[in-house]
Amino acid sequence: MLLTRSQNMVRIKSKNTKPEIYIRKLLYKMGYRYRMNYSRLPGTPDIFILKYNTAIFVNGCFWYRHENCKIATFPKTHAEYWEKKFRRNVERDIEVREKLFEMDISVITI
């Protein structure tokens, strides 16, 4: 079955992804307590460990274009738009990381 672009994009989750759930379960097992999608901080970290003042971002393959990743497919239509969109994601992440460092918050990106 062929999906339209919008149907396909709806299927790409931004919260509660499998890698994010895995990391949360691992942290919980190790005794860490955290806040999820903490909107009080710049960039709304996926996980924020208040006790250690640490923000954790779990970046998905599609949106963050990991090098040599087979899952990070590039849409065939509107290539210019997508290239700009993905580049802006990386730029925004750098800006958010700098803001968090200024607030003395440690940042981990997975």
C-alpha atoms as a PDB file:
ATOM      1  CA  MET A   1       0.000   0.000   0.000  1.00  0.00           C
ATOM      2  CA  LEU A   2       1.382   3.380  -0.975  1.00  0.00           C
ATOM      3  CA  LEU A   3       1.110   6.078   1.675  1.00  0.00           C
ATOM      4  CA  THR A   4       0.819   9.749   0.917  1.00  0.00           C
ATOM      5  CA  ARG A   5       3.479  12.030   2.385  1.00  0.00           C
ATOM      6  CA  SER A   6       1.174  13.355   5.108  1.00  0.00           C
ATOM      7  CA  GLN A   7       0.071   9.855   6.144  1.00  0.00           C
ATOM      8  CA  ASN A   8       3.714   8.812   6.345  1.00  0.00           C
ATOM      9  CA  MET A   9       4.755  11.890   8.348  1.00  0.00           C
ATOM     10  CA  VAL A  10       1.984  11.275  10.897  1.00  0.00           C
ATOM     11  CA  ARG A  11       3.564   7.890  11.611  1.00  0.00           C
ATOM     12  CA  ILE A  12       6.903   9.466  12.608  1.00  0.00           C
ATOM     13  CA  LYS A  13       6.601  10.093  16.340  1.00  0.00           C
ATOM     14  CA  SER A  14       8.325  12.871  18.258  1.00  0.00           C
ATOM     15  CA  LYS A  15       7.578  11.681  21.797  1.00  0.00           C
ATOM     16  CA  ASN A  16       7.641   8.254  23.425  1.00  0.00           C
ATOM     17  CA  THR A  17       9.719   6.675  20.682  1.00  0.00           C
ATOM     18  CA  LYS A  18      11.159   3.193  21.225  1.00  0.00           C
ATOM     19  CA  PRO A  19      14.703   4.492  21.889  1.00  0.00           C
ATOM     20  CA  GLU A  20      13.346   7.101  24.336  1.00  0.00           C
ATOM     21  CA  ILE A  21      11.283   4.517  26.243  1.00  0.00           C
ATOM     22  CA  TYR A  22      14.307   2.192  26.363  1.00  0.00           C
ATOM     23  CA  ILE A  23      16.523   4.928  27.843  1.00  0.00           C
ATOM     24  CA  ARG A  24      13.848   5.918  30.388  1.00  0.00           C
ATOM     25  CA  LYS A  25      13.401   2.313  31.554  1.00  0.00           C
ATOM     26  CA  LEU A  26      17.169   1.903  31.841  1.00  0.00           C
ATOM     27  CA  LEU A  27      17.537   5.105  33.875  1.00  0.00           C
ATOM     28  CA  TYR A  28      14.632   4.141  36.146  1.00  0.00           C
ATOM     29  CA  LYS A  29      16.128   0.674  36.747  1.00  0.00           C
ATOM     30  CA  MET A  30      19.415   2.340  37.684  1.00  0.00           C
ATOM     31  CA  GLY A  31      17.597   4.430  40.299  1.00  0.00           C
ATOM     32  CA  TYR A  32      17.453   7.765  38.488  1.00  0.00           C
ATOM     33  CA  ARG A  33      14.265   9.776  38.742  1.00  0.00           C
ATOM     34  CA  TYR A  34      13.469  12.257  36.016  1.00  0.00           C
ATOM     35  CA  ARG A  35      10.962  14.507  34.308  1.00  0.00           C
ATOM     36  CA  MET A  36       9.809  13.755  30.757  1.00  0.00           C
ATOM     37  CA  ASN A  37       9.553  16.419  28.026  1.00  0.00           C
ATOM     38  CA  TYR A  38      10.467  19.131  30.514  1.00  0.00           C
ATOM     39  CA  SER A  39       8.978  22.286  28.988  1.00  0.00           C
ATOM     40  CA  ARG A  40      10.499  24.670  31.557  1.00  0.00           C
ATOM     41  CA  LEU A  41      13.870  24.387  29.819  1.00  0.00           C
ATOM     42  CA  PRO A  42      14.942  25.534  26.363  1.00  0.00           C
ATOM     43  CA  GLY A  43      14.448  22.803  23.769  1.00  0.00           C
ATOM     44  CA  THR A  44      12.115  20.769  26.013  1.00  0.00           C
ATOM     45  CA  PRO A  45      14.548  17.926  26.818  1.00  0.00           C
ATOM     46  CA  ASP A  46      13.156  14.423  26.412  1.00  0.00           C
ATOM     47  CA  ILE A  47      14.444  13.588  29.894  1.00  0.00           C
ATOM     48  CA  PHE A  48      15.572  15.940  32.663  1.00  0.00           C
ATOM     49  CA  ILE A  49      17.230  14.602  35.809  1.00  0.00           C
ATOM     50  CA  LEU A  50      16.599  17.363  38.319  1.00  0.00           C
ATOM     51  CA  LYS A  51      18.948  15.983  41.000  1.00  0.00           C
ATOM     52  CA  TYR A  52      21.932  16.073  38.619  1.00  0.00           C
ATOM     53  CA  ASN A  53      20.805  19.109  36.597  1.00  0.00           C
ATOM     54  CA  THR A  54      21.138  17.052  33.405  1.00  0.00           C
ATOM     55  CA  ALA A  55      19.107  17.262  30.215  1.00  0.00           C
ATOM     56  CA  ILE A  56      18.987  14.248  27.912  1.00  0.00           C
ATOM     57  CA  PHE A  57      17.913  14.449  24.279  1.00  0.00           C
ATOM     58  CA  VAL A  58      17.127  11.210  22.420  1.00  0.00           C
ATOM     59  CA  ASN A  59      17.446  12.127  18.751  1.00  0.00           C
ATOM     60  CA  GLY A  60      15.592  10.111  16.136  1.00  0.00           C
ATOM     61  CA  CYS A  61      17.218   9.005  12.897  1.00  0.00           C
ATOM     62  CA  PHE A  62      14.807  10.701  10.508  1.00  0.00           C
ATOM     63  CA  TRP A  63      14.911  14.229  11.950  1.00  0.00           C
ATOM     64  CA  TYR A  64      18.579  14.372  12.952  1.00  0.00           C
ATOM     65  CA  ARG A  65      20.248  12.625   9.978  1.00  0.00           C
ATOM     66  CA  HIS A  66      22.796  10.457  11.778  1.00  0.00           C
ATOM     67  CA  GLU A  67      25.816   9.731   9.621  1.00  0.00           C
ATOM     68  CA  ASN A  68      25.807   6.340   7.877  1.00  0.00           C
ATOM     69  CA  CYS A  69      22.335   5.537   9.220  1.00  0.00           C
ATOM     70  CA  LYS A  70      20.245   3.289   6.972  1.00  0.00           C
ATOM     71  CA  ILE A  71      17.021   4.412   8.666  1.00  0.00           C
ATOM     72  CA  ALA A  72      17.602   8.111   7.937  1.00  0.00           C
ATOM     73  CA  THR A  73      15.935   8.167   4.538  1.00  0.00           C
ATOM     74  CA  PHE A  74      15.700  11.421   2.625  1.00  0.00           C
ATOM     75  CA  PRO A  75      12.327  12.325   1.078  1.00  0.00           C
ATOM     76  CA  LYS A  76      12.485  12.257  -2.730  1.00  0.00           C
ATOM     77  CA  THR A  77      10.113  15.178  -3.318  1.00  0.00           C
ATOM     78  CA  HIS A  78      10.775  18.767  -2.246  1.00  0.00           C
ATOM     79  CA  ALA A  79      14.427  17.951  -1.555  1.00  0.00           C
ATOM     80  CA  GLU A  80      15.383  21.605  -1.114  1.00  0.00           C
ATOM     81  CA  TYR A  81      12.729  22.085   1.588  1.00  0.00           C
ATOM     82  CA  TRP A  82      13.813  18.965   3.486  1.00  0.00           C
ATOM     83  CA  GLU A  83      17.498  19.814   3.288  1.00  0.00           C
ATOM     84  CA  LYS A  84      16.776  23.241   4.788  1.00  0.00           C
ATOM     85  CA  LYS A  85      14.508  21.695   7.444  1.00  0.00           C
ATOM     86  CA  PHE A  86      17.096  19.122   8.548  1.00  0.00           C
ATOM     87  CA  ARG A  87      19.882  21.741   8.593  1.00  0.00           C
ATOM     88  CA  ARG A  88      17.728  24.015  10.775  1.00  0.00           C
ATOM     89  CA  ASN A  89      17.155  21.131  13.236  1.00  0.00           C
ATOM     90  CA  VAL A  90      20.910  20.821  13.732  1.00  0.00           C
ATOM     91  CA  GLU A  91      21.333  24.608  14.104  1.00  0.00           C
ATOM     92  CA  ARG A  92      18.499  24.790  16.643  1.00  0.00           C
ATOM     93  CA  ASP A  93      20.036  21.952  18.659  1.00  0.00           C
ATOM     94  CA  ILE A  94      23.321  23.867  18.887  1.00  0.00           C
ATOM     95  CA  GLU A  95      21.495  27.011  20.058  1.00  0.00           C
ATOM     96  CA  VAL A  96      19.533  25.060  22.685  1.00  0.00           C
ATOM     97  CA  ARG A  97      22.675  23.300  23.927  1.00  0.00           C
ATOM     98  CA  GLU A  98      24.433  26.674  24.354  1.00  0.00           C
ATOM     99  CA  LYS A  99      21.463  28.089  26.321  1.00  0.00           C
ATOM    100  CA  LEU A 100      21.448  25.061  28.609  1.00  0.00           C
ATOM    101  CA  PHE A 101      25.215  25.315  29.193  1.00  0.00           C
ATOM    102  CA  GLU A 102      24.721  28.973  30.157  1.00  0.00           C
ATOM    103  CA  MET A 103      22.192  27.761  32.753  1.00  0.00           C
ATOM    104  CA  ASP A 104      24.839  25.275  34.091  1.00  0.00           C
ATOM    105  CA  ILE A 105      22.819  22.302  32.877  1.00  0.00           C
ATOM    106  CA  SER A 106      24.712  19.276  31.586  1.00  0.00           C
ATOM    107  CA  VAL A 107      23.537  18.020  28.207  1.00  0.00           C
ATOM    108  CA  ILE A 108      23.613  14.440  26.951  1.00  0.00           C
ATOM    109  CA  THR A 109      22.533  13.640  23.391  1.00  0.00           C
ATOM    110  CA  ILE A 110      21.744  10.035  22.497  1.00  0.00           C
END
